[in-house]
Every structure is written in C-alpha cells, then in structure tokens.
Amino acid sequence: MHMYMIPKRIFIIAGWLISAVIAVSVSISTTYFLRKTQILAPAQNHQMAPVDQAYASILGIFTSNEVGLESADARPILLSNFLEKHNSPLTPYDYWGNYLTQLADQYQLDYRLLPSIAMQESNLCKVIPSDSYNCLGLGVHSRGTWGFKNFEENFDAAARVLKKEYIDKGYVTPEQIQTKYTPSSNGSWQFAVNHFMEKIANNE
C-alpha cells in the first residue's frame, strides 16, 4: 500500500506542474499577441489614411515657407473653397487654388495675402474697372487705372510688386503694407485683409 501511494502522488504533482507551465505559456503568448496587435494597428491605419494627413495639415500653420506637405498640401483646397464660397469669377476654382499657391511660393508670400487683398479691393474680382482685369487695386488713381491682359497677369504683377517693393523692404504684415499700399486708409483696409486671411485659414 505504501509503495503504491508514493508514485501516484509524484504522478499527480508532475501532472499539475506540467499543466501550470502550459497555462502560463499560453497566457504569455496571448498577452504578447494582443499587445503587438494594439501597437501595430494604429501605425498601419495611420499610414493608410491620407484623409487624416490632410486634416492635420488644415490644423497647421499655413505659411509658404513652413508647409512642407507634398501629398496633402491643403492650401490650394482652402483657396479654392474661399473663391467658390464668394462666387468669384476666378474659375475653375481648383485651377486658381493651385495657381495662387504656386505664385505665393514663387514670390515667398503668405498664400492668403493676394486673395485677401483681392477680396478687399474688388470682392474677388467682381467689381473692377471695365476690361482691366485689375482685381488688386494696382495703379488705381485719378489719372487712370492699370490694365492687364488677364487675371493671371494681374496677380503675377501684384505678387512681384509686393515682394520687391513691400516684403523685401520690411512691409510684411497687412498693417505695415497698408501704410504704403493705401496710406489714406483709417485702418479698415488692414483689418479687412487680416479678417479674410483668417477666414481662409479656418476654411470659412
């Protein structure tokens, strides 16, 4: 009787130990798999979601020097939306969104500056001297008004003037630009331009 009980107890203990080792191994493997899945899944989803990248770019600071977004540059979209919301004759809107963004990069301007000035000066080209294509109030005085062949020529000329005669000489903000661009203004010009720049950035 005594000789029979000893092997049986050893067998029971050994079986229990083996079961415990298996249970612990399964638990560790399951925990590792779950943690690995939780870690990798967000990264994979983030890489596959360009909409999130575009949304993130909208929340950023939009200056021509700081935006380095090759596949999700929101600036053309924001400008296109701004033109469309105000029913501008600058159509197609997607073309002008891209054109104004490229022009801003070329002359190192804030991408919102030209359309905001155009909004203030001509309600985005809706109120201009006949056949002048002059949306930005360039050369408007009692002796006559500058005329251009098309809207592109007008915006390109305005960008060159702003870069050479304003930005490069320290007139950077709308407040500073106003003192030279329209010195007779009581402050309403710079207030309006700043307001429209904020509207563009906020997609309003």
N, C-alpha and C. Protein backbone atom coordinates (compact mmCIF):
# COMPACT_ATOMS: atom_id res chain seq x y z
N MET A 1 0.83 -1.21 0.00
CA MET A 1 0.00 0.00 0.00
C MET A 1 0.86 1.24 0.00
N HIS A 2 1.86 1.26 0.84
CA HIS A 2 2.76 2.40 0.94
C HIS A 2 3.57 2.61 -0.33
N MET A 3 4.04 1.50 -0.95
CA MET A 3 4.82 1.58 -2.19
C MET A 3 3.97 2.09 -3.36
N TYR A 4 2.66 1.87 -3.32
CA TYR A 4 1.77 2.28 -4.42
C TYR A 4 1.44 3.76 -4.35
N MET A 5 1.31 4.34 -3.15
CA MET A 5 0.89 5.72 -2.98
C MET A 5 1.96 6.72 -3.40
N ILE A 6 3.22 6.40 -3.19
CA ILE A 6 4.30 7.35 -3.50
C ILE A 6 4.35 7.67 -4.99
N PRO A 7 4.42 6.70 -5.89
CA PRO A 7 4.44 7.01 -7.33
C PRO A 7 3.20 7.76 -7.77
N LYS A 8 2.04 7.44 -7.15
CA LYS A 8 0.80 8.11 -7.56
C LYS A 8 0.86 9.59 -7.22
N ARG A 9 1.36 9.93 -6.03
CA ARG A 9 1.46 11.34 -5.64
C ARG A 9 2.44 12.10 -6.55
N ILE A 10 3.54 11.39 -6.85
CA ILE A 10 4.53 12.03 -7.75
C ILE A 10 3.91 12.29 -9.11
N PHE A 11 3.12 11.35 -9.58
CA PHE A 11 2.47 11.50 -10.89
C PHE A 11 1.48 12.67 -10.88
N ILE A 12 0.73 12.79 -9.78
CA ILE A 12 -0.24 13.88 -9.67
C ILE A 12 0.46 15.24 -9.64
N ILE A 13 1.54 15.31 -8.85
CA ILE A 13 2.29 16.58 -8.74
C ILE A 13 2.92 16.96 -10.07
N ALA A 14 3.50 15.94 -10.72
CA ALA A 14 4.14 16.21 -12.02
C ALA A 14 3.11 16.67 -13.04
N GLY A 15 1.95 16.05 -13.04
CA GLY A 15 0.90 16.46 -13.97
C GLY A 15 0.43 17.88 -13.72
N TRP A 16 0.32 18.22 -12.43
CA TRP A 16 -0.12 19.59 -12.08
C TRP A 16 0.90 20.62 -12.54
N LEU A 17 2.20 20.29 -12.33
CA LEU A 17 3.26 21.21 -12.76
C LEU A 17 3.26 21.40 -14.27
N ILE A 18 3.09 20.33 -15.00
CA ILE A 18 3.06 20.43 -16.46
C ILE A 18 1.89 21.29 -16.92
N SER A 19 0.72 21.07 -16.31
CA SER A 19 -0.46 21.86 -16.66
C SER A 19 -0.25 23.34 -16.37
N ALA A 20 0.40 23.62 -15.23
CA ALA A 20 0.65 25.02 -14.86
C ALA A 20 1.59 25.69 -15.85
N VAL A 21 2.64 24.97 -16.26
CA VAL A 21 3.59 25.52 -17.22
C VAL A 21 2.90 25.82 -18.54
N ILE A 22 2.04 24.91 -18.99
CA ILE A 22 1.32 25.12 -20.25
C ILE A 22 0.40 26.33 -20.16
N ALA A 23 -0.30 26.46 -19.04
CA ALA A 23 -1.24 27.58 -18.85
C ALA A 23 -0.52 28.92 -18.86
N VAL A 24 0.63 28.95 -18.14
CA VAL A 24 1.42 30.19 -18.11
C VAL A 24 1.93 30.54 -19.50
N SER A 25 2.39 29.57 -20.26
CA SER A 25 2.92 29.80 -21.61
C SER A 25 1.84 30.35 -22.53
N VAL A 26 0.65 29.75 -22.44
CA VAL A 26 -0.46 30.23 -23.27
C VAL A 26 -0.84 31.66 -22.90
N SER A 27 -0.84 31.95 -21.60
CA SER A 27 -1.18 33.30 -21.14
C SER A 27 -0.19 34.33 -21.65
N ILE A 28 1.11 33.99 -21.54
CA ILE A 28 2.15 34.91 -22.00
C ILE A 28 2.05 35.13 -23.50
N SER A 29 1.83 34.07 -24.26
CA SER A 29 1.73 34.18 -25.72
C SER A 29 0.52 35.03 -26.12
N THR A 30 -0.60 34.84 -25.44
CA THR A 30 -1.81 35.61 -25.75
C THR A 30 -1.62 37.08 -25.45
N THR A 31 -1.01 37.38 -24.29
CA THR A 31 -0.76 38.78 -23.92
C THR A 31 0.16 39.46 -24.90
N TYR A 32 1.22 38.77 -25.33
CA TYR A 32 2.18 39.34 -26.28
C TYR A 32 1.49 39.63 -27.62
N PHE A 33 0.64 38.69 -28.06
CA PHE A 33 -0.05 38.88 -29.33
C PHE A 33 -0.99 40.08 -29.28
N LEU A 34 -1.74 40.20 -28.16
CA LEU A 34 -2.67 41.32 -28.04
C LEU A 34 -1.93 42.65 -28.01
N ARG A 35 -0.84 42.70 -27.25
CA ARG A 35 -0.08 43.95 -27.17
C ARG A 35 0.53 44.32 -28.52
N LYS A 36 1.03 43.33 -29.22
CA LYS A 36 1.63 43.58 -30.53
C LYS A 36 0.58 44.09 -31.50
N THR A 37 -0.62 43.51 -31.44
CA THR A 37 -1.72 43.94 -32.32
C THR A 37 -2.12 45.37 -32.02
N GLN A 38 -2.21 45.73 -30.75
CA GLN A 38 -2.60 47.09 -30.36
C GLN A 38 -1.58 48.11 -30.76
N ILE A 39 -0.30 47.71 -30.73
CA ILE A 39 0.76 48.65 -31.09
C ILE A 39 0.83 48.86 -32.59
N LEU A 40 0.70 47.77 -33.36
CA LEU A 40 0.88 47.87 -34.80
C LEU A 40 -0.34 48.42 -35.51
N ALA A 41 -1.51 48.12 -35.03
CA ALA A 41 -2.72 48.50 -35.75
C ALA A 41 -2.84 50.00 -35.96
N PRO A 42 -2.64 50.85 -34.94
CA PRO A 42 -2.75 52.30 -35.18
C PRO A 42 -1.73 52.80 -36.18
N ALA A 43 -0.51 52.27 -36.13
CA ALA A 43 0.52 52.72 -37.05
C ALA A 43 0.16 52.37 -38.48
N GLN A 44 -0.36 51.14 -38.68
CA GLN A 44 -0.74 50.75 -40.03
C GLN A 44 -1.91 51.57 -40.53
N ASN A 45 -2.88 51.81 -39.65
CA ASN A 45 -4.03 52.61 -40.06
C ASN A 45 -3.63 54.03 -40.37
N HIS A 46 -2.69 54.59 -39.60
CA HIS A 46 -2.26 55.97 -39.83
C HIS A 46 -1.58 56.11 -41.19
N GLN A 47 -0.77 55.11 -41.54
CA GLN A 47 -0.08 55.18 -42.83
C GLN A 47 -1.05 55.06 -43.99
N MET A 48 -2.18 54.45 -43.77
CA MET A 48 -3.11 54.21 -44.86
C MET A 48 -4.26 55.22 -44.88
N ALA A 49 -4.11 56.33 -44.15
CA ALA A 49 -5.21 57.29 -44.07
C ALA A 49 -4.77 58.68 -44.51
N PRO A 50 -4.72 58.95 -45.82
CA PRO A 50 -4.35 60.28 -46.30
C PRO A 50 -5.32 61.36 -45.88
N VAL A 51 -6.59 60.98 -45.60
CA VAL A 51 -7.57 61.97 -45.14
C VAL A 51 -7.12 62.57 -43.82
N ASP A 52 -6.56 61.71 -42.93
CA ASP A 52 -6.06 62.21 -41.66
C ASP A 52 -4.90 63.16 -41.87
N GLN A 53 -4.04 62.86 -42.84
CA GLN A 53 -2.91 63.74 -43.12
C GLN A 53 -3.39 65.09 -43.62
N ALA A 54 -4.39 65.09 -44.49
CA ALA A 54 -4.92 66.35 -45.00
C ALA A 54 -5.59 67.15 -43.89
N TYR A 55 -6.32 66.44 -43.00
CA TYR A 55 -6.98 67.13 -41.90
C TYR A 55 -5.93 67.74 -40.97
N ALA A 56 -4.84 67.00 -40.73
CA ALA A 56 -3.79 67.53 -39.87
C ALA A 56 -3.15 68.76 -40.48
N SER A 57 -3.01 68.77 -41.80
CA SER A 57 -2.40 69.92 -42.44
C SER A 57 -3.27 71.16 -42.33
N ILE A 58 -4.61 70.96 -42.32
CA ILE A 58 -5.52 72.09 -42.17
C ILE A 58 -5.36 72.73 -40.81
N LEU A 59 -5.02 71.93 -39.80
CA LEU A 59 -4.89 72.45 -38.45
C LEU A 59 -3.54 73.12 -38.22
N GLY A 60 -2.62 73.04 -39.20
CA GLY A 60 -1.29 73.59 -39.03
C GLY A 60 -1.21 75.07 -39.32
N ILE A 61 0.02 75.59 -39.29
CA ILE A 61 0.27 76.99 -39.61
C ILE A 61 0.55 77.07 -41.10
N PHE A 62 -0.20 77.89 -41.81
CA PHE A 62 -0.13 77.91 -43.26
C PHE A 62 0.66 79.11 -43.75
N THR A 63 1.96 78.96 -43.82
CA THR A 63 2.79 79.95 -44.48
C THR A 63 3.56 79.22 -45.57
N SER A 64 3.92 79.94 -46.62
CA SER A 64 4.54 79.29 -47.77
C SER A 64 5.88 78.66 -47.42
N ASN A 65 6.55 79.14 -46.38
CA ASN A 65 7.86 78.60 -46.03
C ASN A 65 7.75 77.42 -45.08
N GLU A 66 6.65 77.30 -44.32
CA GLU A 66 6.55 76.28 -43.30
C GLU A 66 5.81 75.04 -43.75
N VAL A 67 4.95 75.15 -44.75
CA VAL A 67 4.17 74.00 -45.17
C VAL A 67 5.02 73.14 -46.10
N GLY A 68 5.40 71.96 -45.65
CA GLY A 68 6.19 71.05 -46.47
C GLY A 68 5.39 69.82 -46.80
N LEU A 69 4.17 69.98 -47.21
CA LEU A 69 3.27 68.87 -47.45
C LEU A 69 3.21 68.56 -48.93
N GLU A 70 3.80 67.46 -49.33
CA GLU A 70 3.88 67.14 -50.75
C GLU A 70 2.59 66.48 -51.25
N SER A 71 2.05 65.58 -50.45
CA SER A 71 0.88 64.84 -50.90
C SER A 71 -0.41 65.33 -50.28
N ALA A 72 -0.32 66.22 -49.30
CA ALA A 72 -1.54 66.66 -48.63
C ALA A 72 -1.47 68.15 -48.31
N ASP A 73 -1.06 68.96 -49.27
CA ASP A 73 -1.00 70.41 -49.08
C ASP A 73 -2.41 70.95 -49.16
N ALA A 74 -2.91 71.44 -48.06
CA ALA A 74 -4.31 71.89 -48.01
C ALA A 74 -4.49 73.30 -48.54
N ARG A 75 -3.43 74.04 -48.80
CA ARG A 75 -3.57 75.44 -49.19
C ARG A 75 -4.39 75.64 -50.47
N PRO A 76 -4.14 74.89 -51.54
CA PRO A 76 -4.96 75.07 -52.74
C PRO A 76 -6.44 74.79 -52.49
N ILE A 77 -6.72 73.82 -51.63
CA ILE A 77 -8.11 73.49 -51.32
C ILE A 77 -8.77 74.64 -50.56
N LEU A 78 -8.05 75.20 -49.59
CA LEU A 78 -8.59 76.31 -48.81
C LEU A 78 -8.87 77.52 -49.70
N LEU A 79 -7.95 77.81 -50.62
CA LEU A 79 -8.15 78.94 -51.53
C LEU A 79 -9.30 78.68 -52.50
N SER A 80 -9.37 77.48 -53.02
CA SER A 80 -10.45 77.11 -53.92
C SER A 80 -11.80 77.25 -53.23
N ASN A 81 -11.89 76.78 -51.99
CA ASN A 81 -13.14 76.88 -51.23
C ASN A 81 -13.51 78.34 -50.98
N PHE A 82 -12.52 79.16 -50.69
CA PHE A 82 -12.76 80.58 -50.42
C PHE A 82 -13.34 81.27 -51.67
N LEU A 83 -12.75 81.00 -52.82
CA LEU A 83 -13.22 81.59 -54.07
C LEU A 83 -14.65 81.14 -54.39
N GLU A 84 -14.90 79.86 -54.19
CA GLU A 84 -16.22 79.32 -54.52
C GLU A 84 -17.30 79.87 -53.58
N LYS A 85 -16.97 79.96 -52.30
CA LYS A 85 -17.96 80.46 -51.33
C LYS A 85 -18.38 81.90 -51.63
N HIS A 86 -17.47 82.67 -52.24
CA HIS A 86 -17.77 84.07 -52.54
C HIS A 86 -18.11 84.27 -54.02
N ASN A 87 -18.33 83.16 -54.71
CA ASN A 87 -18.78 83.21 -56.11
C ASN A 87 -17.87 84.08 -56.97
N SER A 88 -16.59 83.90 -56.83
CA SER A 88 -15.62 84.69 -57.60
C SER A 88 -15.62 84.26 -59.07
N PRO A 89 -15.39 85.21 -59.97
CA PRO A 89 -15.25 84.85 -61.39
C PRO A 89 -13.92 84.16 -61.70
N LEU A 90 -13.08 83.98 -60.70
CA LEU A 90 -11.81 83.27 -60.90
C LEU A 90 -12.11 81.77 -60.94
N THR A 91 -12.43 81.28 -62.10
CA THR A 91 -12.78 79.87 -62.28
C THR A 91 -11.89 79.24 -63.35
N PRO A 92 -11.71 77.92 -63.36
CA PRO A 92 -12.17 76.94 -62.38
C PRO A 92 -11.50 77.16 -61.02
N TYR A 93 -12.21 76.89 -59.95
CA TYR A 93 -11.70 77.20 -58.62
C TYR A 93 -10.48 76.38 -58.25
N ASP A 94 -10.45 75.11 -58.66
CA ASP A 94 -9.29 74.29 -58.33
C ASP A 94 -8.03 74.79 -59.05
N TYR A 95 -8.22 75.27 -60.29
CA TYR A 95 -7.08 75.85 -61.02
C TYR A 95 -6.52 77.06 -60.27
N TRP A 96 -7.41 77.95 -59.83
CA TRP A 96 -6.95 79.16 -59.16
C TRP A 96 -6.40 78.87 -57.77
N GLY A 97 -6.92 77.85 -57.12
CA GLY A 97 -6.34 77.46 -55.84
C GLY A 97 -4.89 77.05 -55.99
N ASN A 98 -4.61 76.27 -57.01
CA ASN A 98 -3.23 75.84 -57.28
C ASN A 98 -2.37 77.00 -57.79
N TYR A 99 -2.94 77.82 -58.67
CA TYR A 99 -2.18 78.92 -59.25
C TYR A 99 -1.74 79.92 -58.16
N LEU A 100 -2.65 80.29 -57.30
CA LEU A 100 -2.32 81.27 -56.25
C LEU A 100 -1.33 80.70 -55.23
N THR A 101 -1.44 79.42 -54.97
CA THR A 101 -0.48 78.78 -54.06
C THR A 101 0.92 78.77 -54.66
N GLN A 102 1.02 78.41 -55.93
CA GLN A 102 2.32 78.39 -56.61
C GLN A 102 2.91 79.79 -56.70
N LEU A 103 2.06 80.78 -56.94
CA LEU A 103 2.52 82.16 -57.02
C LEU A 103 3.08 82.62 -55.68
N ALA A 104 2.39 82.26 -54.60
CA ALA A 104 2.87 82.61 -53.26
C ALA A 104 4.22 81.97 -52.98
N ASP A 105 4.39 80.72 -53.36
CA ASP A 105 5.68 80.05 -53.16
C ASP A 105 6.77 80.70 -54.00
N GLN A 106 6.44 81.05 -55.23
CA GLN A 106 7.42 81.65 -56.14
C GLN A 106 7.96 82.97 -55.59
N TYR A 107 7.07 83.79 -55.02
CA TYR A 107 7.48 85.11 -54.54
C TYR A 107 7.60 85.18 -53.01
N GLN A 108 7.52 84.01 -52.38
CA GLN A 108 7.69 83.90 -50.93
C GLN A 108 6.72 84.81 -50.17
N LEU A 109 5.45 84.67 -50.52
CA LEU A 109 4.38 85.42 -49.85
C LEU A 109 3.53 84.46 -49.03
N ASP A 110 2.84 85.00 -48.03
CA ASP A 110 1.82 84.23 -47.36
C ASP A 110 0.76 83.88 -48.41
N TYR A 111 0.39 82.62 -48.51
CA TYR A 111 -0.51 82.18 -49.59
C TYR A 111 -1.88 82.85 -49.52
N ARG A 112 -2.22 83.41 -48.38
CA ARG A 112 -3.54 84.04 -48.21
C ARG A 112 -3.55 85.52 -48.60
N LEU A 113 -2.37 86.11 -48.77
CA LEU A 113 -2.29 87.57 -48.92
C LEU A 113 -2.96 88.08 -50.19
N LEU A 114 -2.61 87.55 -51.34
CA LEU A 114 -3.16 88.04 -52.61
C LEU A 114 -4.69 87.91 -52.67
N PRO A 115 -5.25 86.72 -52.39
CA PRO A 115 -6.72 86.63 -52.46
C PRO A 115 -7.41 87.50 -51.42
N SER A 116 -6.77 87.74 -50.28
CA SER A 116 -7.39 88.60 -49.26
C SER A 116 -7.40 90.05 -49.71
N ILE A 117 -6.31 90.50 -50.35
CA ILE A 117 -6.28 91.86 -50.90
C ILE A 117 -7.32 91.98 -52.02
N ALA A 118 -7.41 90.95 -52.86
CA ALA A 118 -8.39 90.97 -53.95
C ALA A 118 -9.81 91.02 -53.40
N MET A 119 -10.04 90.34 -52.30
CA MET A 119 -11.36 90.38 -51.69
C MET A 119 -11.68 91.78 -51.19
N GLN A 120 -10.71 92.43 -50.59
CA GLN A 120 -10.91 93.78 -50.08
C GLN A 120 -11.05 94.80 -51.20
N GLU A 121 -10.25 94.66 -52.24
CA GLU A 121 -10.22 95.67 -53.30
C GLU A 121 -11.34 95.51 -54.33
N SER A 122 -11.75 94.28 -54.61
CA SER A 122 -12.70 94.09 -55.72
C SER A 122 -13.73 93.00 -55.48
N ASN A 123 -13.88 92.57 -54.21
CA ASN A 123 -14.79 91.47 -53.93
C ASN A 123 -14.43 90.25 -54.78
N LEU A 124 -13.14 89.94 -54.78
CA LEU A 124 -12.59 88.81 -55.53
C LEU A 124 -12.86 88.94 -57.03
N CYS A 125 -12.55 90.13 -57.56
CA CYS A 125 -12.60 90.40 -59.00
C CYS A 125 -14.00 90.61 -59.55
N LYS A 126 -14.97 90.79 -58.70
CA LYS A 126 -16.34 91.02 -59.17
C LYS A 126 -16.62 92.50 -59.45
N VAL A 127 -15.86 93.39 -58.81
CA VAL A 127 -16.07 94.83 -59.01
C VAL A 127 -14.74 95.45 -59.41
N ILE A 128 -14.51 95.57 -60.73
CA ILE A 128 -13.25 96.10 -61.25
C ILE A 128 -13.53 97.06 -62.40
N PRO A 129 -12.59 97.96 -62.71
CA PRO A 129 -12.76 98.81 -63.89
C PRO A 129 -12.93 97.96 -65.15
N SER A 130 -13.75 98.38 -66.04
CA SER A 130 -14.09 97.60 -67.23
C SER A 130 -12.86 97.18 -68.02
N ASP A 131 -12.80 95.88 -68.33
CA ASP A 131 -11.73 95.30 -69.17
C ASP A 131 -10.33 95.51 -68.61
N SER A 132 -10.21 95.75 -67.32
CA SER A 132 -8.88 95.99 -66.73
C SER A 132 -8.26 94.73 -66.14
N TYR A 133 -9.07 93.76 -65.75
CA TYR A 133 -8.62 92.57 -65.04
C TYR A 133 -7.83 92.93 -63.78
N ASN A 134 -8.08 94.12 -63.26
CA ASN A 134 -7.33 94.62 -62.11
C ASN A 134 -8.11 94.35 -60.83
N CYS A 135 -7.80 93.21 -60.22
CA CYS A 135 -8.53 92.78 -59.02
C CYS A 135 -7.94 93.32 -57.73
N LEU A 136 -6.69 93.78 -57.77
CA LEU A 136 -5.98 94.10 -56.54
C LEU A 136 -5.74 95.59 -56.34
N GLY A 137 -6.35 96.42 -57.17
CA GLY A 137 -6.23 97.86 -57.00
C GLY A 137 -4.87 98.43 -57.34
N LEU A 138 -4.14 97.76 -58.21
CA LEU A 138 -2.81 98.26 -58.60
C LEU A 138 -2.96 99.47 -59.52
N GLY A 139 -2.25 100.54 -59.20
CA GLY A 139 -2.23 101.71 -60.06
C GLY A 139 -3.57 102.37 -60.25
N VAL A 140 -4.45 102.28 -59.26
CA VAL A 140 -5.75 102.94 -59.35
C VAL A 140 -5.62 104.35 -58.79
N HIS A 141 -5.72 105.34 -59.67
CA HIS A 141 -5.62 106.73 -59.24
C HIS A 141 -6.40 107.62 -60.21
N SER A 142 -6.40 108.90 -59.95
CA SER A 142 -7.21 109.84 -60.74
C SER A 142 -6.77 109.93 -62.19
N ARG A 143 -5.52 109.59 -62.48
CA ARG A 143 -5.00 109.70 -63.85
C ARG A 143 -5.32 108.47 -64.69
N GLY A 144 -5.87 107.44 -64.04
CA GLY A 144 -6.20 106.22 -64.79
C GLY A 144 -5.93 104.99 -63.96
N THR A 145 -6.16 103.86 -64.55
CA THR A 145 -6.00 102.59 -63.84
C THR A 145 -5.18 101.63 -64.67
N TRP A 146 -4.29 100.91 -64.01
CA TRP A 146 -3.51 99.91 -64.72
C TRP A 146 -4.46 98.84 -65.29
N GLY A 147 -4.12 98.41 -66.51
CA GLY A 147 -4.89 97.35 -67.13
C GLY A 147 -4.01 96.15 -67.43
N PHE A 148 -4.60 94.97 -67.47
CA PHE A 148 -3.85 93.73 -67.70
C PHE A 148 -4.57 92.88 -68.74
N LYS A 149 -3.83 91.97 -69.34
CA LYS A 149 -4.40 91.12 -70.39
C LYS A 149 -5.36 90.09 -69.83
N ASN A 150 -5.10 89.65 -68.61
CA ASN A 150 -5.94 88.64 -67.99
C ASN A 150 -5.71 88.67 -66.48
N PHE A 151 -6.45 87.88 -65.74
CA PHE A 151 -6.33 87.85 -64.29
C PHE A 151 -4.96 87.33 -63.84
N GLU A 152 -4.45 86.34 -64.57
CA GLU A 152 -3.14 85.80 -64.19
C GLU A 152 -2.06 86.88 -64.23
N GLU A 153 -2.08 87.71 -65.28
CA GLU A 153 -1.08 88.77 -65.39
C GLU A 153 -1.22 89.76 -64.24
N ASN A 154 -2.45 90.04 -63.84
CA ASN A 154 -2.69 90.95 -62.73
C ASN A 154 -2.13 90.41 -61.42
N PHE A 155 -2.42 89.15 -61.12
CA PHE A 155 -1.94 88.57 -59.86
C PHE A 155 -0.43 88.40 -59.86
N ASP A 156 0.14 88.06 -61.01
CA ASP A 156 1.60 87.94 -61.08
C ASP A 156 2.26 89.30 -60.85
N ALA A 157 1.72 90.35 -61.46
CA ALA A 157 2.27 91.70 -61.27
C ALA A 157 2.15 92.12 -59.81
N ALA A 158 1.02 91.84 -59.19
CA ALA A 158 0.82 92.19 -57.79
C ALA A 158 1.80 91.44 -56.89
N ALA A 159 2.04 90.17 -57.19
CA ALA A 159 2.98 89.38 -56.40
C ALA A 159 4.39 89.95 -56.50
N ARG A 160 4.79 90.34 -57.73
CA ARG A 160 6.13 90.91 -57.92
C ARG A 160 6.27 92.23 -57.19
N VAL A 161 5.24 93.08 -57.27
CA VAL A 161 5.28 94.37 -56.59
C VAL A 161 5.34 94.20 -55.08
N LEU A 162 4.52 93.32 -54.56
CA LEU A 162 4.50 93.10 -53.12
C LEU A 162 5.84 92.54 -52.63
N LYS A 163 6.42 91.64 -53.39
CA LYS A 163 7.71 91.06 -53.00
C LYS A 163 8.82 92.11 -53.03
N LYS A 164 8.93 92.83 -54.14
CA LYS A 164 10.05 93.75 -54.35
C LYS A 164 9.90 95.04 -53.57
N GLU A 165 8.71 95.62 -53.58
CA GLU A 165 8.51 96.95 -53.01
C GLU A 165 7.98 96.93 -51.56
N TYR A 166 7.56 95.77 -51.11
CA TYR A 166 6.98 95.70 -49.76
C TYR A 166 7.74 94.70 -48.88
N ILE A 167 7.61 93.42 -49.19
CA ILE A 167 8.20 92.38 -48.34
C ILE A 167 9.71 92.59 -48.17
N ASP A 168 10.41 92.78 -49.29
CA ASP A 168 11.86 92.94 -49.23
C ASP A 168 12.30 94.22 -48.52
N LYS A 169 11.37 95.14 -48.36
CA LYS A 169 11.70 96.41 -47.69
C LYS A 169 11.10 96.49 -46.28
N GLY A 170 10.64 95.34 -45.79
CA GLY A 170 10.18 95.30 -44.40
C GLY A 170 8.70 95.51 -44.18
N TYR A 171 7.93 95.68 -45.26
CA TYR A 171 6.48 95.82 -45.14
C TYR A 171 5.88 94.41 -45.27
N VAL A 172 5.70 93.74 -44.16
CA VAL A 172 5.35 92.32 -44.20
C VAL A 172 3.90 92.06 -43.81
N THR A 173 3.46 92.62 -42.71
CA THR A 173 2.10 92.38 -42.23
C THR A 173 1.10 93.29 -42.95
N PRO A 174 -0.18 92.95 -42.94
CA PRO A 174 -1.18 93.85 -43.54
C PRO A 174 -1.14 95.26 -42.96
N GLU A 175 -0.84 95.36 -41.66
CA GLU A 175 -0.74 96.68 -41.03
C GLU A 175 0.38 97.50 -41.67
N GLN A 176 1.53 96.87 -41.88
CA GLN A 176 2.67 97.55 -42.49
C GLN A 176 2.43 97.83 -43.97
N ILE A 177 1.85 96.87 -44.67
CA ILE A 177 1.59 97.04 -46.10
C ILE A 177 0.62 98.19 -46.33
N GLN A 178 -0.37 98.33 -45.47
CA GLN A 178 -1.38 99.38 -45.62
C GLN A 178 -0.76 100.77 -45.66
N THR A 179 0.29 101.02 -44.88
CA THR A 179 0.88 102.36 -44.80
C THR A 179 1.44 102.82 -46.14
N LYS A 180 1.71 101.86 -47.03
CA LYS A 180 2.27 102.20 -48.34
C LYS A 180 1.29 101.88 -49.47
N TYR A 181 0.53 100.81 -49.31
CA TYR A 181 -0.39 100.36 -50.35
C TYR A 181 -1.61 101.27 -50.44
N THR A 182 -2.12 101.65 -49.30
CA THR A 182 -3.28 102.54 -49.26
C THR A 182 -3.17 103.42 -48.01
N PRO A 183 -2.24 104.39 -48.03
CA PRO A 183 -1.93 105.20 -46.83
C PRO A 183 -3.10 106.03 -46.32
N SER A 184 -4.09 106.28 -47.15
CA SER A 184 -5.22 107.10 -46.71
C SER A 184 -6.22 106.31 -45.87
N SER A 185 -6.05 104.99 -45.77
CA SER A 185 -6.99 104.18 -45.02
C SER A 185 -6.90 104.49 -43.53
N ASN A 186 -8.03 104.43 -42.86
CA ASN A 186 -8.08 104.69 -41.42
C ASN A 186 -7.84 103.42 -40.60
N GLY A 187 -7.41 102.38 -41.26
CA GLY A 187 -7.18 101.10 -40.59
C GLY A 187 -8.14 100.01 -41.04
N SER A 188 -9.17 100.41 -41.76
CA SER A 188 -10.17 99.43 -42.20
C SER A 188 -9.59 98.45 -43.23
N TRP A 189 -8.63 98.92 -44.04
CA TRP A 189 -8.04 98.06 -45.07
C TRP A 189 -7.31 96.89 -44.43
N GLN A 190 -6.41 97.18 -43.51
CA GLN A 190 -5.64 96.11 -42.88
C GLN A 190 -6.54 95.21 -42.03
N PHE A 191 -7.56 95.79 -41.42
CA PHE A 191 -8.50 94.98 -40.64
C PHE A 191 -9.21 93.97 -41.54
N ALA A 192 -9.66 94.44 -42.70
CA ALA A 192 -10.37 93.55 -43.63
C ALA A 192 -9.46 92.47 -44.18
N VAL A 193 -8.23 92.85 -44.56
CA VAL A 193 -7.30 91.87 -45.11
C VAL A 193 -6.97 90.81 -44.06
N ASN A 194 -6.71 91.21 -42.84
CA ASN A 194 -6.46 90.25 -41.76
C ASN A 194 -7.66 89.34 -41.55
N HIS A 195 -8.83 89.92 -41.61
CA HIS A 195 -10.06 89.15 -41.42
C HIS A 195 -10.22 88.08 -42.49
N PHE A 196 -9.97 88.44 -43.74
CA PHE A 196 -10.11 87.47 -44.83
C PHE A 196 -9.02 86.40 -44.76
N MET A 197 -7.84 86.78 -44.32
CA MET A 197 -6.77 85.79 -44.16
C MET A 197 -7.15 84.75 -43.11
N GLU A 198 -7.77 85.18 -42.05
CA GLU A 198 -8.24 84.25 -41.03
C GLU A 198 -9.35 83.36 -41.58
N LYS A 199 -10.23 83.94 -42.37
CA LYS A 199 -11.32 83.16 -42.97
C LYS A 199 -10.77 82.04 -43.84
N ILE A 200 -9.75 82.37 -44.62
CA ILE A 200 -9.16 81.35 -45.50
C ILE A 200 -8.55 80.22 -44.66
N ALA A 201 -7.76 80.59 -43.66
CA ALA A 201 -7.07 79.60 -42.84
C ALA A 201 -8.05 78.68 -42.11
N ASN A 202 -9.19 79.25 -41.71
CA ASN A 202 -10.19 78.47 -40.98
C ASN A 202 -11.22 77.81 -41.88
N ASN A 203 -11.03 77.97 -43.20
CA ASN A 203 -11.93 77.36 -44.19
C ASN A 203 -13.38 77.83 -43.97
N GLU A 204 -13.53 79.13 -43.76
CA GLU A 204 -14.85 79.70 -43.52
C GLU A 204 -15.35 80.50 -44.73
